[in-house]
Amino acid sequence: MLYPLFRPLIHALDAEQAHRLTIAALKPLPALGAPESDPVLACDVAGLHFPNPVGLAAGFDKDAEVPAQMLGFGFGFVEVGTLTPMPQTGNPKPRLFRLAEDRAVINRMGFNNGGQASALERLQRLGRRAGPVGVNIGANKDSDDRSADYAKGARAMAGVADYLTVNISSPNTPGLRALQSAAALDELLHGVMGALPAPTPVFLKVAPDLEAEEIDAIARVAIERGVSALIVSNTTVSRPPLQSRYADETGGLSGAPLSSLALQRLRDFRSAAGGKLPLVSAGGIGDADEAYARIRAGASLVQLYSALVYEGPGLARRIARGLARRLRQDGFGSVAEAIGQG
């Protein structure tokens, strides 16, 4: 509730600097257990138990520095990364922009992270978790074999991940989205599945900027290769009408303007998958109404990140409480009962 008082001070800082200071402030906090969730919110997806369906998307905790602390803020699960096999600095700065008038963010970070080895050590020390922790893996920008990078990531991180996310949908690594083509995706997923040292749920994160035939092909390959869930979607390179002076910056757009596109892609993938794949909806979720709409449209889980910039760390708890009220008001006894009932 105090966040609105501090937000002007935080937003006076450069966006990336503010983010790094936020992570630094969170690290000393004790890894408390997550607040108790309403039983109506509990759900099981891909063989994992989630105390509530509200997750933190990848990008906030790139290097797995504060997953336990974020679970303590009421998230039902946290996804760290994107982590690449080797450390990399990412794209030149500035590369992160707040579009306050639009309640949006544009980023062209470029998978900046300290590499999988250092994150692995932190996750090994994490111990008991208040909710699932997923690890989002990607390829190094200068890699000669990006599919091999994903296999390396799967092999390295499976032992500390409740689930792995194969991220081929960032617009900020040149050529990465080409891995969403049917042939390339089939080869990549074959390598990832073969590299797993032990059974681990594999999620696939896709872009919102896809044509109908691409959606059908991705869903088909994902089902055939045994993907456990699809995350729909990442940031968009499209530009709806925007008011901010940063509207023309290159990179991926996230936040409120992505909402309608993300909802439509969720519906598209639900139709293409025919109910054979659980769906995780991300993009433009900033309140309980939007989260509930995604569940009613077919999402088993939801993820958010950009809305935290404007709403603060109490947002996950507020959305969870609002979801519980809406489920009960509409006569649902669980999240599972509401999926696809919109």
Protein backbone atom coordinates (compact mmCIF):
# COMPACT_ATOMS: atom_id res chain seq x y z
CA MET A 1 0.00 0.00 0.00
CA LEU A 2 3.02 2.30 0.46
CA TYR A 3 4.30 1.75 -3.08
CA PRO A 4 2.41 4.75 -4.60
CA LEU A 5 4.31 7.00 -2.20
CA PHE A 6 7.70 5.67 -3.33
CA ARG A 7 6.91 5.22 -7.02
CA PRO A 8 7.81 8.82 -8.07
CA LEU A 9 11.23 8.42 -6.47
CA ILE A 10 11.80 5.05 -8.13
CA HIS A 11 10.61 6.31 -11.50
CA ALA A 12 12.95 9.29 -11.28
CA LEU A 13 15.79 6.81 -11.76
CA ASP A 14 16.81 5.22 -15.03
CA ALA A 15 14.61 2.14 -15.51
CA GLU A 16 17.43 -0.40 -15.51
CA GLN A 17 19.17 1.25 -12.57
CA ALA A 18 15.90 1.16 -10.61
CA HIS A 19 15.52 -2.52 -11.39
CA ARG A 20 19.01 -3.38 -10.19
CA LEU A 21 18.46 -1.40 -6.98
CA THR A 22 15.19 -3.30 -6.46
CA ILE A 23 16.96 -6.65 -6.74
CA ALA A 24 19.68 -5.44 -4.38
CA ALA A 25 17.07 -4.34 -1.83
CA LEU A 26 15.27 -7.68 -2.02
CA LYS A 27 18.33 -9.92 -1.61
CA PRO A 28 18.84 -9.34 2.15
CA LEU A 29 15.20 -10.06 2.94
CA PRO A 30 14.55 -13.39 4.67
CA ALA A 31 13.13 -16.13 2.46
CA LEU A 32 9.80 -16.30 4.25
CA GLY A 33 7.13 -18.76 3.22
CA ALA A 34 4.46 -17.43 0.92
CA PRO A 35 1.29 -16.11 2.55
CA GLU A 36 -1.44 -18.69 2.75
CA SER A 37 -3.56 -18.80 -0.39
CA ASP A 38 -7.29 -19.43 -0.55
CA PRO A 39 -7.79 -23.18 -1.21
CA VAL A 40 -9.97 -22.34 -4.21
CA LEU A 41 -6.84 -21.06 -5.97
CA ALA A 42 -4.77 -24.25 -5.63
CA CYS A 43 -4.16 -25.98 -8.95
CA ASP A 44 -2.09 -28.76 -10.49
CA VAL A 45 -0.46 -28.25 -13.89
CA ALA A 46 2.13 -30.43 -15.63
CA GLY A 47 2.40 -32.61 -12.53
CA LEU A 48 3.27 -29.64 -10.31
CA HIS A 49 1.23 -28.15 -7.47
CA PHE A 50 0.69 -24.38 -7.47
CA PRO A 51 -0.70 -22.68 -4.36
CA ASN A 52 -2.24 -20.08 -6.66
CA PRO A 53 -2.12 -19.51 -10.44
CA VAL A 54 -0.45 -16.06 -10.35
CA GLY A 55 3.18 -16.30 -11.43
CA LEU A 56 6.12 -13.97 -11.88
CA ALA A 57 7.29 -14.02 -15.49
CA ALA A 58 10.92 -14.38 -16.53
CA GLY A 59 12.87 -11.16 -16.90
CA PHE A 60 12.46 -9.76 -13.40
CA ASP A 61 14.90 -12.14 -11.69
CA LYS A 62 17.25 -12.86 -14.56
CA ASP A 63 20.02 -14.40 -12.44
CA ALA A 64 17.94 -16.31 -9.88
CA GLU A 65 18.88 -13.92 -7.07
CA VAL A 66 15.52 -13.50 -5.32
CA PRO A 67 13.05 -16.30 -6.21
CA ALA A 68 12.25 -17.12 -2.58
CA GLN A 69 11.67 -13.47 -1.72
CA MET A 70 9.25 -13.06 -4.64
CA LEU A 71 7.30 -16.16 -3.59
CA GLY A 72 6.99 -14.42 -0.23
CA PHE A 73 5.13 -11.56 -1.92
CA GLY A 74 2.30 -13.92 -2.82
CA PHE A 75 3.24 -15.31 -6.21
CA GLY A 76 2.14 -18.90 -6.70
CA PHE A 77 5.26 -19.59 -8.77
CA VAL A 78 8.32 -17.74 -10.01
CA GLU A 79 10.23 -18.10 -13.27
CA VAL A 80 13.87 -17.00 -13.30
CA GLY A 81 16.03 -16.17 -16.31
CA THR A 82 16.45 -16.02 -19.21
CA LEU A 83 19.72 -17.85 -18.53
CA THR A 84 22.21 -18.66 -21.29
CA PRO A 85 25.05 -21.21 -21.17
CA MET A 86 27.71 -18.49 -21.07
CA PRO A 87 27.45 -15.06 -19.40
CA GLN A 88 26.67 -12.16 -21.70
CA THR A 89 26.25 -8.42 -21.27
CA GLY A 90 23.27 -8.03 -23.59
CA ASN A 91 22.57 -5.10 -25.89
CA PRO A 92 23.96 -1.57 -25.49
CA LYS A 93 22.31 0.76 -22.97
CA PRO A 94 19.84 2.39 -22.69
CA ARG A 95 17.71 -0.66 -23.38
CA LEU A 96 14.80 -0.47 -20.92
CA PHE A 97 12.10 2.20 -21.11
CA ARG A 98 9.01 2.95 -19.03
CA LEU A 99 6.03 4.18 -21.03
CA ALA A 100 4.18 5.57 -18.04
CA GLU A 101 1.33 7.15 -20.01
CA ASP A 102 0.62 3.73 -21.52
CA ARG A 103 1.40 1.65 -18.43
CA ALA A 104 3.84 -0.22 -20.61
CA VAL A 105 7.52 -1.11 -20.97
CA ILE A 106 9.78 -1.47 -24.01
CA ASN A 107 12.96 -3.51 -23.61
CA ARG A 108 15.77 -4.63 -25.84
CA MET A 109 17.85 -6.22 -23.12
CA GLY A 110 19.25 -9.09 -25.20
CA PHE A 111 19.41 -11.90 -22.62
CA ASN A 112 21.84 -10.10 -20.32
CA ASN A 113 22.71 -12.53 -17.53
CA GLY A 114 25.59 -14.00 -15.56
CA GLY A 115 25.33 -17.44 -17.15
CA GLN A 116 23.86 -20.72 -16.02
CA ALA A 117 26.73 -21.84 -13.79
CA SER A 118 26.42 -19.01 -11.28
CA ALA A 119 22.62 -19.24 -11.21
CA LEU A 120 22.89 -22.98 -10.69
CA GLU A 121 24.82 -22.46 -7.46
CA ARG A 122 22.19 -20.07 -6.11
CA LEU A 123 19.32 -22.38 -7.00
CA GLN A 124 21.09 -25.32 -5.37
CA ARG A 125 21.12 -23.35 -2.12
CA LEU A 126 17.47 -22.40 -2.40
CA GLY A 127 16.15 -25.44 -0.54
CA ARG A 128 12.48 -25.82 0.24
CA ARG A 129 10.24 -23.62 -1.88
CA ALA A 130 6.86 -22.03 -1.17
CA GLY A 131 5.88 -22.65 -4.79
CA PRO A 132 7.38 -23.93 -8.03
CA VAL A 133 10.45 -22.19 -9.44
CA GLY A 134 10.86 -22.45 -13.19
CA VAL A 135 14.08 -21.79 -15.09
CA ASN A 136 13.86 -19.99 -18.43
CA ILE A 137 16.70 -20.96 -20.79
CA GLY A 138 17.96 -19.30 -23.96
CA ALA A 139 20.81 -19.24 -26.44
CA ASN A 140 23.88 -17.02 -26.47
CA LYS A 141 23.80 -14.33 -29.13
CA ASP A 142 27.14 -15.41 -30.65
CA SER A 143 26.45 -19.15 -30.52
CA ASP A 144 27.22 -21.19 -33.62
CA ASP A 145 24.51 -23.71 -32.71
CA ARG A 146 21.59 -22.22 -30.85
CA SER A 147 19.67 -25.49 -30.65
CA ALA A 148 22.69 -27.00 -28.90
CA ASP A 149 22.61 -24.11 -26.41
CA TYR A 150 19.09 -25.08 -25.39
CA ALA A 151 20.14 -28.69 -24.92
CA LYS A 152 23.05 -27.49 -22.76
CA GLY A 153 20.67 -25.39 -20.70
CA ALA A 154 18.29 -28.29 -20.20
CA ARG A 155 21.12 -30.57 -19.11
CA ALA A 156 22.60 -28.00 -16.74
CA MET A 157 19.46 -26.61 -15.11
CA ALA A 158 17.00 -29.50 -14.96
CA GLY A 159 18.21 -30.60 -11.54
CA VAL A 160 17.27 -27.29 -9.90
CA ALA A 161 14.15 -26.43 -11.93
CA ASP A 162 10.61 -27.44 -11.10
CA TYR A 163 10.04 -26.79 -14.79
CA LEU A 164 12.17 -25.52 -17.68
CA THR A 165 10.99 -22.89 -20.14
CA VAL A 166 12.43 -22.94 -23.64
CA ASN A 167 12.38 -19.28 -24.67
CA ILE A 168 12.53 -18.89 -28.44
CA SER A 169 10.31 -15.82 -28.56
CA SER A 170 12.46 -12.87 -27.50
CA PRO A 171 12.68 -10.25 -30.26
CA ASN A 172 15.97 -8.92 -28.92
CA THR A 173 18.35 -11.68 -30.07
CA PRO A 174 18.65 -11.53 -33.87
CA GLY A 175 17.24 -14.61 -35.57
CA LEU A 176 15.98 -16.25 -32.39
CA ARG A 177 12.32 -16.22 -33.38
CA ALA A 178 13.22 -18.23 -36.50
CA LEU A 179 13.43 -21.22 -34.14
CA GLN A 180 9.61 -21.10 -34.00
CA SER A 181 9.40 -22.57 -37.52
CA ALA A 182 8.14 -26.15 -37.50
CA ALA A 183 11.35 -27.85 -38.67
CA ALA A 184 13.66 -25.81 -36.43
CA LEU A 185 11.37 -26.19 -33.42
CA ASP A 186 11.10 -29.94 -33.90
CA GLU A 187 14.89 -30.29 -33.98
CA LEU A 188 15.33 -28.01 -30.97
CA LEU A 189 12.76 -29.80 -28.81
CA HIS A 190 14.15 -33.20 -29.79
CA GLY A 191 17.55 -32.05 -28.49
CA VAL A 192 16.12 -30.56 -25.30
CA MET A 193 14.09 -33.63 -24.42
CA GLY A 194 17.05 -35.90 -25.14
CA ALA A 195 19.34 -33.80 -22.93
CA LEU A 196 17.20 -33.95 -19.79
CA PRO A 197 19.05 -35.97 -17.13
CA ALA A 198 15.75 -36.69 -15.35
CA PRO A 199 12.07 -36.20 -16.18
CA THR A 200 11.35 -32.46 -15.95
CA PRO A 201 8.31 -30.55 -17.30
CA VAL A 202 9.30 -28.46 -20.30
CA PHE A 203 7.31 -25.32 -21.12
CA LEU A 204 7.63 -23.50 -24.45
CA LYS A 205 7.38 -19.70 -24.57
CA VAL A 206 6.06 -18.33 -27.85
CA ALA A 207 5.72 -14.88 -29.41
CA PRO A 208 2.43 -13.03 -29.93
CA ASP A 209 3.50 -11.96 -33.41
CA LEU A 210 2.50 -15.15 -35.23
CA GLU A 211 0.30 -16.04 -38.18
CA ALA A 212 -2.41 -18.71 -38.04
CA GLU A 213 -0.36 -21.35 -39.84
CA GLU A 214 2.58 -20.76 -37.50
CA ILE A 215 0.34 -21.18 -34.47
CA ASP A 216 -0.99 -24.47 -35.78
CA ALA A 217 2.51 -25.76 -36.54
CA ILE A 218 3.90 -24.78 -33.13
CA ALA A 219 1.01 -26.45 -31.32
CA ARG A 220 1.41 -29.63 -33.37
CA VAL A 221 5.18 -29.90 -32.82
CA ALA A 222 4.84 -29.10 -29.11
CA ILE A 223 2.29 -31.88 -28.64
CA GLU A 224 4.32 -34.37 -30.65
CA ARG A 225 7.52 -33.62 -28.71
CA GLY A 226 5.90 -33.89 -25.29
CA VAL A 227 5.96 -30.24 -24.20
CA SER A 228 4.15 -29.89 -20.86
CA ALA A 229 2.70 -26.38 -21.38
CA LEU A 230 2.82 -23.34 -23.65
CA ILE A 231 3.49 -19.84 -22.33
CA VAL A 232 1.51 -17.44 -24.49
CA SER A 233 3.12 -14.98 -24.98
CA ASN A 234 6.29 -12.89 -24.92
CA THR A 235 6.65 -9.19 -25.79
CA THR A 236 5.46 -7.86 -29.14
CA VAL A 237 7.29 -5.97 -31.87
CA SER A 238 3.97 -4.55 -33.05
CA ARG A 239 2.98 -1.06 -31.96
CA PRO A 240 -0.61 -0.23 -31.08
CA PRO A 241 -1.30 3.49 -30.58
CA LEU A 242 0.94 4.75 -27.76
CA GLN A 243 1.25 8.11 -26.00
CA SER A 244 4.73 7.97 -24.50
CA ARG A 245 7.75 9.71 -25.95
CA TYR A 246 9.46 6.32 -25.93
CA ALA A 247 6.86 4.78 -28.25
CA ASP A 248 9.29 4.53 -31.19
CA GLU A 249 12.07 2.76 -29.29
CA THR A 250 12.98 -0.61 -30.76
CA GLY A 251 12.47 -3.76 -28.72
CA GLY A 252 9.65 -5.77 -27.25
CA LEU A 253 6.57 -4.00 -25.93
CA SER A 254 4.91 -5.32 -22.77
CA GLY A 255 2.31 -4.11 -20.32
CA ALA A 256 -1.26 -2.90 -20.73
CA PRO A 257 -1.18 -2.29 -24.54
CA LEU A 258 -0.33 -5.97 -25.08
CA SER A 259 -3.47 -7.19 -23.31
CA SER A 260 -5.85 -7.65 -26.24
CA LEU A 261 -3.20 -9.27 -28.47
CA ALA A 262 -2.11 -11.65 -25.70
CA LEU A 263 -5.72 -12.64 -25.03
CA GLN A 264 -6.33 -13.32 -28.72
CA ARG A 265 -3.19 -15.45 -29.00
CA LEU A 266 -4.28 -17.41 -25.95
CA ARG A 267 -7.57 -18.18 -27.68
CA ASP A 268 -5.74 -19.05 -30.90
CA PHE A 269 -3.42 -21.52 -29.18
CA ARG A 270 -6.27 -23.05 -27.20
CA SER A 271 -8.05 -23.74 -30.47
CA ALA A 272 -4.88 -25.02 -32.18
CA ALA A 273 -3.94 -27.33 -29.30
CA GLY A 274 -7.45 -28.70 -28.91
CA GLY A 275 -7.15 -28.93 -25.15
CA LYS A 276 -4.09 -31.18 -25.34
CA LEU A 277 -1.69 -28.63 -23.80
CA PRO A 278 -2.05 -26.53 -20.65
CA LEU A 279 -1.63 -22.84 -21.41
CA VAL A 280 0.07 -20.14 -19.35
CA SER A 281 -1.10 -16.65 -20.27
CA ALA A 282 1.29 -13.68 -20.07
CA GLY A 283 1.17 -10.16 -21.40
CA GLY A 284 -0.85 -7.20 -20.20
CA ILE A 285 -2.12 -8.72 -16.96
CA GLY A 286 -2.38 -6.04 -14.30
CA ASP A 287 -5.42 -6.84 -12.17
CA ALA A 288 -7.72 -9.64 -11.07
CA ASP A 289 -10.27 -8.95 -13.80
CA GLU A 290 -7.68 -9.50 -16.53
CA ALA A 291 -6.25 -12.58 -14.84
CA TYR A 292 -9.74 -14.06 -14.47
CA ALA A 293 -10.52 -13.31 -18.13
CA ARG A 294 -7.41 -15.26 -19.18
CA ILE A 295 -8.43 -18.25 -17.07
CA ARG A 296 -11.96 -18.14 -18.48
CA ALA A 297 -10.38 -17.99 -21.97
CA GLY A 298 -8.35 -21.15 -21.39
CA ALA A 299 -5.29 -20.38 -19.25
CA SER A 300 -4.39 -22.74 -16.44
CA LEU A 301 -1.88 -20.23 -15.03
CA VAL A 302 -1.05 -16.56 -15.59
CA GLN A 303 2.20 -14.60 -15.40
CA LEU A 304 2.99 -10.92 -14.99
CA TYR A 305 5.98 -8.63 -14.73
CA SER A 306 5.53 -5.19 -16.33
CA ALA A 307 2.53 -4.33 -14.15
CA LEU A 308 4.80 -4.51 -11.09
CA VAL A 309 6.54 -1.38 -12.36
CA TYR A 310 3.33 0.58 -11.85
CA GLU A 311 1.52 -1.38 -9.12
CA GLY A 312 4.32 -2.52 -6.82
CA PRO A 313 5.12 -5.79 -5.03
CA GLY A 314 1.68 -6.23 -3.45
CA LEU A 315 0.10 -6.84 -6.84
CA ALA A 316 0.34 -10.66 -6.80
CA ARG A 317 -1.46 -10.87 -3.48
CA ARG A 318 -4.20 -8.48 -4.64
CA ILE A 319 -4.76 -10.42 -7.85
CA ALA A 320 -4.90 -13.74 -5.97
CA ARG A 321 -7.49 -12.38 -3.53
CA GLY A 322 -9.53 -10.95 -6.38
CA LEU A 323 -9.40 -14.22 -8.29
CA ALA A 324 -10.66 -16.14 -5.28
CA ARG A 325 -13.63 -13.76 -4.93
CA ARG A 326 -14.54 -14.02 -8.60
CA LEU A 327 -14.29 -17.80 -8.65
CA ARG A 328 -16.60 -18.13 -5.65
CA GLN A 329 -19.04 -15.52 -6.95
CA ASP A 330 -19.42 -17.48 -10.18
CA GLY A 331 -19.86 -20.78 -8.39
CA PHE A 332 -16.52 -22.35 -9.22
CA GLY A 333 -14.90 -24.56 -6.61
CA SER A 334 -11.44 -24.38 -8.14
CA VAL A 335 -9.37 -22.71 -10.83
CA ALA A 336 -9.58 -25.89 -12.91
CA GLU A 337 -13.36 -25.62 -13.09
CA ALA A 338 -13.14 -22.11 -14.58
CA ILE A 339 -10.57 -22.82 -17.31
CA GLY A 340 -12.09 -22.14 -20.74
CA GLN A 341 -15.51 -21.25 -19.37
CA GLY A 342 -15.51 -17.68 -20.66
